[in-house]
All heavy atoms as atom14 arrays in JSON, in Angstrom:
{
  "sequence": "SAKNAILIVEVALELHVRDGKPLLESAVNAAR",
  "atom14_mask": [
    [1, 1, 1, 1, 1, 1, 0, 0, 0, 0, 0, 0, 0, 0],
    [1, 1, 1, 1, 1, 0, 0, 0, 0, 0, 0, 0, 0, 0],
    [1, 1, 1, 1, 1, 1, 1, 1, 1, 0, 0, 0, 0, 0],
    [1, 1, 1, 1, 1, 1, 1, 1, 0, 0, 0, 0, 0, 0],
    [1, 1, 1, 1, 1, 0, 0, 0, 0, 0, 0, 0, 0, 0],
    [1, 1, 1, 1, 1, 1, 1, 1, 0, 0, 0, 0, 0, 0],
    [1, 1, 1, 1, 1, 1, 1, 1, 0, 0, 0, 0, 0, 0],
    [1, 1, 1, 1, 1, 1, 1, 1, 0, 0, 0, 0, 0, 0],
    [1, 1, 1, 1, 1, 1, 1, 0, 0, 0, 0, 0, 0, 0],
    [1, 1, 1, 1, 1, 1, 1, 1, 1, 0, 0, 0, 0, 0],
    [1, 1, 1, 1, 1, 1, 1, 0, 0, 0, 0, 0, 0, 0],
    [1, 1, 1, 1, 1, 0, 0, 0, 0, 0, 0, 0, 0, 0],
    [1, 1, 1, 1, 1, 1, 1, 1, 0, 0, 0, 0, 0, 0],
    [1, 1, 1, 1, 1, 1, 1, 1, 1, 0, 0, 0, 0, 0],
    [1, 1, 1, 1, 1, 1, 1, 1, 0, 0, 0, 0, 0, 0],
    [1, 1, 1, 1, 1, 1, 1, 1, 1, 1, 0, 0, 0, 0],
    [1, 1, 1, 1, 1, 1, 1, 0, 0, 0, 0, 0, 0, 0],
    [1, 1, 1, 1, 1, 1, 1, 1, 1, 1, 1, 0, 0, 0],
    [1, 1, 1, 1, 1, 1, 1, 1, 0, 0, 0, 0, 0, 0],
    [1, 1, 1, 1, 0, 0, 0, 0, 0, 0, 0, 0, 0, 0],
    [1, 1, 1, 1, 1, 1, 1, 1, 1, 0, 0, 0, 0, 0],
    [1, 1, 1, 1, 1, 1, 1, 0, 0, 0, 0, 0, 0, 0],
    [1, 1, 1, 1, 1, 1, 1, 1, 0, 0, 0, 0, 0, 0],
    [1, 1, 1, 1, 1, 1, 1, 1, 0, 0, 0, 0, 0, 0],
    [1, 1, 1, 1, 1, 1, 1, 1, 1, 0, 0, 0, 0, 0],
    [1, 1, 1, 1, 1, 1, 0, 0, 0, 0, 0, 0, 0, 0],
    [1, 1, 1, 1, 1, 0, 0, 0, 0, 0, 0, 0, 0, 0],
    [1, 1, 1, 1, 1, 1, 1, 0, 0, 0, 0, 0, 0, 0],
    [1, 1, 1, 1, 1, 1, 1, 1, 0, 0, 0, 0, 0, 0],
    [1, 1, 1, 1, 1, 0, 0, 0, 0, 0, 0, 0, 0, 0],
    [1, 1, 1, 1, 1, 0, 0, 0, 0, 0, 0, 0, 0, 0],
    [1, 1, 1, 1, 1, 1, 1, 1, 1, 1, 1, 0, 0, 0]
  ],
  "atom14_positions": [
    [[0.84, -1.14, -0.03], [-0.02, 0.1, -0.03], [0.85, 1.29, -0.01], [0.55, 2.21, -0.52], [-0.97, 0.01, 1.2], [-0.29, 0.05, 2.42], [0.0, 0.0, 0.0], [0.0, 0.0, 0.0], [0.0, 0.0, 0.0], [0.0, 0.0, 0.0], [0.0, 0.0, 0.0], [0.0, 0.0, 0.0], [0.0, 0.0, 0.0], [0.0, 0.0, 0.0]],
    [[2.05, 1.22, 0.58], [2.99, 2.31, 0.59], [3.45, 2.57, -0.89], [3.56, 3.69, -1.26], [4.12, 2.14, 1.45], [0.0, 0.0, 0.0], [0.0, 0.0, 0.0], [0.0, 0.0, 0.0], [0.0, 0.0, 0.0], [0.0, 0.0, 0.0], [0.0, 0.0, 0.0], [0.0, 0.0, 0.0], [0.0, 0.0, 0.0], [0.0, 0.0, 0.0]],
    [[3.59, 1.5, -1.54], [4.14, 1.63, -2.97], [3.1, 2.37, -3.83], [3.47, 3.28, -4.53], [4.27, 0.13, -3.56], [4.8, 0.21, -4.96], [3.84, -0.19, -6.05], [2.73, -1.22, -5.79], [1.77, -1.22, -6.79], [0.0, 0.0, 0.0], [0.0, 0.0, 0.0], [0.0, 0.0, 0.0], [0.0, 0.0, 0.0], [0.0, 0.0, 0.0]],
    [[1.9, 2.02, -3.66], [0.74, 2.78, -4.33], [0.77, 4.24, -4.02], [0.64, 5.1, -4.9], [-0.55, 2.18, -4.03], [-0.86, 0.84, -4.74], [-0.09, 0.58, -5.68], [-1.91, 0.24, -4.44], [0.0, 0.0, 0.0], [0.0, 0.0, 0.0], [0.0, 0.0, 0.0], [0.0, 0.0, 0.0], [0.0, 0.0, 0.0], [0.0, 0.0, 0.0]],
    [[0.94, 4.61, -2.71], [0.96, 6.0, -2.26], [2.17, 6.71, -2.75], [2.08, 7.87, -3.11], [0.83, 6.01, -0.72], [0.0, 0.0, 0.0], [0.0, 0.0, 0.0], [0.0, 0.0, 0.0], [0.0, 0.0, 0.0], [0.0, 0.0, 0.0], [0.0, 0.0, 0.0], [0.0, 0.0, 0.0], [0.0, 0.0, 0.0], [0.0, 0.0, 0.0]],
    [[3.25, 6.01, -2.75], [4.6, 6.58, -3.25], [4.49, 7.06, -4.6], [4.9, 8.17, -5.06], [5.72, 5.62, -2.96], [5.96, 5.55, -1.55], [6.99, 6.04, -3.79], [6.95, 4.43, -1.21], [0.0, 0.0, 0.0], [0.0, 0.0, 0.0], [0.0, 0.0, 0.0], [0.0, 0.0, 0.0], [0.0, 0.0, 0.0], [0.0, 0.0, 0.0]],
    [[3.78, 6.2, -5.47], [3.7, 6.54, -6.95], [2.89, 7.97, -7.1], [3.33, 8.72, -7.97], [2.87, 5.44, -7.6], [3.68, 4.29, -7.8], [2.64, 3.19, -8.37], [4.78, 4.34, -8.71], [0.0, 0.0, 0.0], [0.0, 0.0, 0.0], [0.0, 0.0, 0.0], [0.0, 0.0, 0.0], [0.0, 0.0, 0.0], [0.0, 0.0, 0.0]],
    [[1.92, 8.21, -6.2], [1.13, 9.51, -6.36], [1.91, 10.57, -5.62], [2.02, 11.71, -6.22], [-0.2, 9.27, -5.69], [-1.05, 8.23, -6.43], [-0.96, 10.57, -5.61], [-2.42, 7.85, -5.82], [0.0, 0.0, 0.0], [0.0, 0.0, 0.0], [0.0, 0.0, 0.0], [0.0, 0.0, 0.0], [0.0, 0.0, 0.0], [0.0, 0.0, 0.0]],
    [[2.46, 10.39, -4.47], [3.14, 11.46, -3.79], [4.39, 11.94, -4.48], [4.67, 13.14, -4.47], [3.38, 11.02, -2.27], [4.27, 12.04, -1.56], [2.1, 10.83, -1.56], [0.0, 0.0, 0.0], [0.0, 0.0, 0.0], [0.0, 0.0, 0.0], [0.0, 0.0, 0.0], [0.0, 0.0, 0.0], [0.0, 0.0, 0.0], [0.0, 0.0, 0.0]],
    [[5.08, 10.97, -5.01], [6.28, 11.43, -5.73], [5.99, 12.42, -6.85], [6.71, 13.47, -6.98], [7.01, 10.11, -6.24], [8.36, 10.35, -6.92], [9.46, 10.7, -5.93], [9.45, 10.2, -4.88], [10.34, 11.56, -6.4], [0.0, 0.0, 0.0], [0.0, 0.0, 0.0], [0.0, 0.0, 0.0], [0.0, 0.0, 0.0], [0.0, 0.0, 0.0]],
    [[5.05, 12.13, -7.65], [4.72, 12.94, -8.82], [4.14, 14.34, -8.29], [4.5, 15.41, -8.83], [3.75, 12.26, -9.79], [3.13, 13.2, -10.79], [4.48, 11.05, -10.4], [0.0, 0.0, 0.0], [0.0, 0.0, 0.0], [0.0, 0.0, 0.0], [0.0, 0.0, 0.0], [0.0, 0.0, 0.0], [0.0, 0.0, 0.0], [0.0, 0.0, 0.0]],
    [[3.29, 14.18, -7.23], [2.67, 15.48, -6.79], [3.74, 16.3, -6.12], [3.71, 17.56, -6.3], [1.63, 15.01, -5.71], [0.0, 0.0, 0.0], [0.0, 0.0, 0.0], [0.0, 0.0, 0.0], [0.0, 0.0, 0.0], [0.0, 0.0, 0.0], [0.0, 0.0, 0.0], [0.0, 0.0, 0.0], [0.0, 0.0, 0.0], [0.0, 0.0, 0.0]],
    [[4.69, 15.86, -5.49], [5.9, 16.62, -4.87], [6.63, 17.31, -6.08], [6.97, 18.49, -5.95], [6.82, 15.9, -4.11], [6.41, 15.68, -2.7], [7.3, 14.75, -1.88], [6.33, 16.99, -1.89], [0.0, 0.0, 0.0], [0.0, 0.0, 0.0], [0.0, 0.0, 0.0], [0.0, 0.0, 0.0], [0.0, 0.0, 0.0], [0.0, 0.0, 0.0]],
    [[6.98, 16.52, -7.02], [7.6, 17.14, -8.28], [6.85, 18.23, -8.8], [7.4, 19.34, -9.24], [7.9, 16.15, -9.29], [9.0, 15.09, -8.88], [9.33, 14.03, -9.96], [8.87, 14.32, -11.11], [9.97, 13.06, -9.67], [0.0, 0.0, 0.0], [0.0, 0.0, 0.0], [0.0, 0.0, 0.0], [0.0, 0.0, 0.0], [0.0, 0.0, 0.0]],
    [[5.56, 17.98, -9.11], [4.75, 19.07, -9.69], [4.73, 20.28, -8.86], [4.75, 21.39, -9.32], [3.37, 18.5, -10.09], [3.24, 17.45, -11.07], [1.9, 16.9, -11.27], [3.69, 17.97, -12.51], [0.0, 0.0, 0.0], [0.0, 0.0, 0.0], [0.0, 0.0, 0.0], [0.0, 0.0, 0.0], [0.0, 0.0, 0.0], [0.0, 0.0, 0.0]],
    [[4.5, 20.08, -7.5], [4.27, 21.26, -6.58], [5.64, 21.85, -6.25], [5.75, 23.22, -6.42], [3.62, 20.73, -5.34], [3.39, 21.8, -4.34], [2.61, 22.94, -4.58], [3.99, 22.07, -3.08], [2.55, 23.72, -3.57], [3.49, 23.24, -2.68], [0.0, 0.0, 0.0], [0.0, 0.0, 0.0], [0.0, 0.0, 0.0], [0.0, 0.0, 0.0]],
    [[6.66, 21.19, -6.01], [7.83, 21.76, -5.51], [8.77, 22.27, -6.65], [9.18, 23.4, -6.75], [8.61, 20.84, -4.6], [9.97, 21.4, -4.19], [7.89, 20.6, -3.34], [0.0, 0.0, 0.0], [0.0, 0.0, 0.0], [0.0, 0.0, 0.0], [0.0, 0.0, 0.0], [0.0, 0.0, 0.0], [0.0, 0.0, 0.0], [0.0, 0.0, 0.0]],
    [[8.99, 21.28, -7.51], [9.85, 21.48, -8.7], [9.35, 22.55, -9.76], [9.96, 23.5, -10.22], [10.5, 20.3, -9.37], [11.55, 20.56, -10.34], [11.92, 19.31, -11.08], [10.66, 18.91, -11.96], [10.46, 17.82, -12.54], [11.32, 16.83, -12.27], [9.44, 17.67, -13.28], [0.0, 0.0, 0.0], [0.0, 0.0, 0.0], [0.0, 0.0, 0.0]],
    [[8.02, 22.15, -10.06], [7.47, 22.93, -11.23], [6.58, 24.18, -10.75], [6.18, 25.01, -11.5], [6.47, 22.0, -11.98], [7.39, 20.92, -12.75], [8.55, 21.04, -12.85], [6.77, 19.91, -13.17], [0.0, 0.0, 0.0], [0.0, 0.0, 0.0], [0.0, 0.0, 0.0], [0.0, 0.0, 0.0], [0.0, 0.0, 0.0], [0.0, 0.0, 0.0]],
    [[6.39, 24.2, -9.47], [5.7, 25.33, -8.93], [4.23, 25.41, -9.16], [3.58, 26.54, -9.06], [0.0, 0.0, 0.0], [0.0, 0.0, 0.0], [0.0, 0.0, 0.0], [0.0, 0.0, 0.0], [0.0, 0.0, 0.0], [0.0, 0.0, 0.0], [0.0, 0.0, 0.0], [0.0, 0.0, 0.0], [0.0, 0.0, 0.0], [0.0, 0.0, 0.0]],
    [[3.65, 24.26, -9.35], [2.19, 24.24, -9.73], [1.4, 24.36, -8.35], [2.05, 24.02, -7.34], [1.83, 23.01, -10.48], [2.32, 22.93, -11.84], [1.75, 21.85, -12.64], [2.33, 22.01, -14.09], [1.77, 20.95, -14.96], [0.0, 0.0, 0.0], [0.0, 0.0, 0.0], [0.0, 0.0, 0.0], [0.0, 0.0, 0.0], [0.0, 0.0, 0.0]],
    [[0.11, 24.83, -8.47], [-0.64, 24.86, -7.16], [-0.81, 23.48, -6.49], [-0.73, 22.54, -7.33], [-1.97, 25.43, -7.6], [-1.65, 26.11, -8.97], [-0.53, 25.37, -9.57], [0.0, 0.0, 0.0], [0.0, 0.0, 0.0], [0.0, 0.0, 0.0], [0.0, 0.0, 0.0], [0.0, 0.0, 0.0], [0.0, 0.0, 0.0], [0.0, 0.0, 0.0]],
    [[-1.1, 23.46, -5.36], [-0.96, 22.26, -4.52], [-2.15, 21.26, -4.93], [-1.89, 20.13, -5.27], [-1.26, 22.52, -3.08], [-0.96, 21.45, -1.96], [0.29, 20.79, -2.17], [-1.15, 21.96, -0.61], [0.0, 0.0, 0.0], [0.0, 0.0, 0.0], [0.0, 0.0, 0.0], [0.0, 0.0, 0.0], [0.0, 0.0, 0.0], [0.0, 0.0, 0.0]],
    [[-3.3, 21.78, -5.07], [-4.39, 21.0, -5.47], [-4.36, 20.41, -6.79], [-4.6, 19.29, -7.14], [-5.68, 21.76, -5.29], [-7.06, 20.98, -5.32], [-7.03, 19.89, -4.31], [-8.25, 21.89, -5.1], [0.0, 0.0, 0.0], [0.0, 0.0, 0.0], [0.0, 0.0, 0.0], [0.0, 0.0, 0.0], [0.0, 0.0, 0.0], [0.0, 0.0, 0.0]],
    [[-3.9, 21.4, -7.7], [-3.65, 20.88, -9.14], [-2.62, 19.83, -9.31], [-2.75, 18.78, -9.97], [-3.31, 22.14, -10.03], [-3.0, 21.71, -11.45], [-2.49, 22.96, -12.16], [-2.75, 24.11, -11.82], [-1.86, 22.76, -13.28], [0.0, 0.0, 0.0], [0.0, 0.0, 0.0], [0.0, 0.0, 0.0], [0.0, 0.0, 0.0], [0.0, 0.0, 0.0]],
    [[-1.52, 19.87, -8.42], [-0.45, 18.92, -8.44], [-1.0, 17.6, -7.96], [-0.68, 16.55, -8.54], [0.74, 19.36, -7.54], [1.23, 20.59, -7.87], [0.0, 0.0, 0.0], [0.0, 0.0, 0.0], [0.0, 0.0, 0.0], [0.0, 0.0, 0.0], [0.0, 0.0, 0.0], [0.0, 0.0, 0.0], [0.0, 0.0, 0.0], [0.0, 0.0, 0.0]],
    [[-1.7, 17.65, -6.93], [-2.31, 16.37, -6.39], [-3.27, 15.65, -7.46], [-3.21, 14.48, -7.59], [-3.0, 16.59, -5.09], [0.0, 0.0, 0.0], [0.0, 0.0, 0.0], [0.0, 0.0, 0.0], [0.0, 0.0, 0.0], [0.0, 0.0, 0.0], [0.0, 0.0, 0.0], [0.0, 0.0, 0.0], [0.0, 0.0, 0.0], [0.0, 0.0, 0.0]],
    [[-4.11, 16.4, -8.04], [-5.04, 15.79, -9.01], [-4.28, 15.24, -10.12], [-4.59, 14.14, -10.7], [-6.06, 16.87, -9.38], [-6.93, 16.39, -10.5], [-7.05, 17.15, -8.16], [0.0, 0.0, 0.0], [0.0, 0.0, 0.0], [0.0, 0.0, 0.0], [0.0, 0.0, 0.0], [0.0, 0.0, 0.0], [0.0, 0.0, 0.0], [0.0, 0.0, 0.0]],
    [[-3.38, 16.03, -10.67], [-2.62, 15.6, -11.84], [-1.69, 14.47, -11.56], [-1.52, 13.56, -12.4], [-1.63, 16.81, -12.39], [-2.5, 17.88, -13.04], [-3.62, 17.69, -13.49], [-1.89, 19.02, -13.14], [0.0, 0.0, 0.0], [0.0, 0.0, 0.0], [0.0, 0.0, 0.0], [0.0, 0.0, 0.0], [0.0, 0.0, 0.0], [0.0, 0.0, 0.0]],
    [[-1.14, 14.32, -10.32], [-0.43, 13.1, -9.91], [-1.34, 11.94, -9.87], [-0.87, 10.88, -10.27], [0.25, 13.42, -8.53], [0.0, 0.0, 0.0], [0.0, 0.0, 0.0], [0.0, 0.0, 0.0], [0.0, 0.0, 0.0], [0.0, 0.0, 0.0], [0.0, 0.0, 0.0], [0.0, 0.0, 0.0], [0.0, 0.0, 0.0], [0.0, 0.0, 0.0]],
    [[-2.49, 12.04, -9.44], [-3.42, 10.97, -9.15], [-3.95, 10.37, -10.66], [-3.85, 9.24, -10.94], [-4.72, 11.28, -8.47], [0.0, 0.0, 0.0], [0.0, 0.0, 0.0], [0.0, 0.0, 0.0], [0.0, 0.0, 0.0], [0.0, 0.0, 0.0], [0.0, 0.0, 0.0], [0.0, 0.0, 0.0], [0.0, 0.0, 0.0], [0.0, 0.0, 0.0]],
    [[-4.04, 11.33, -11.61], [-4.4, 11.05, -12.93], [-3.11, 10.39, -13.65], [-3.35, 9.39, -14.3], [-4.73, 12.3, -13.78], [-6.16, 12.74, -13.48], [-6.56, 13.86, -14.43], [-7.82, 14.45, -13.95], [-8.16, 15.59, -14.07], [-7.35, 16.62, -14.42], [-9.39, 16.03, -13.72], [0.0, 0.0, 0.0], [0.0, 0.0, 0.0], [0.0, 0.0, 0.0]]
  ]
}
């Protein structure tokens, strides 16, 4: 279950921190 969560969190962190996208948009895009 941690593996599934890591897949989403890793991308969301990259989008939010590295690319500077808004937090909610980063989370939704990572899940997609």
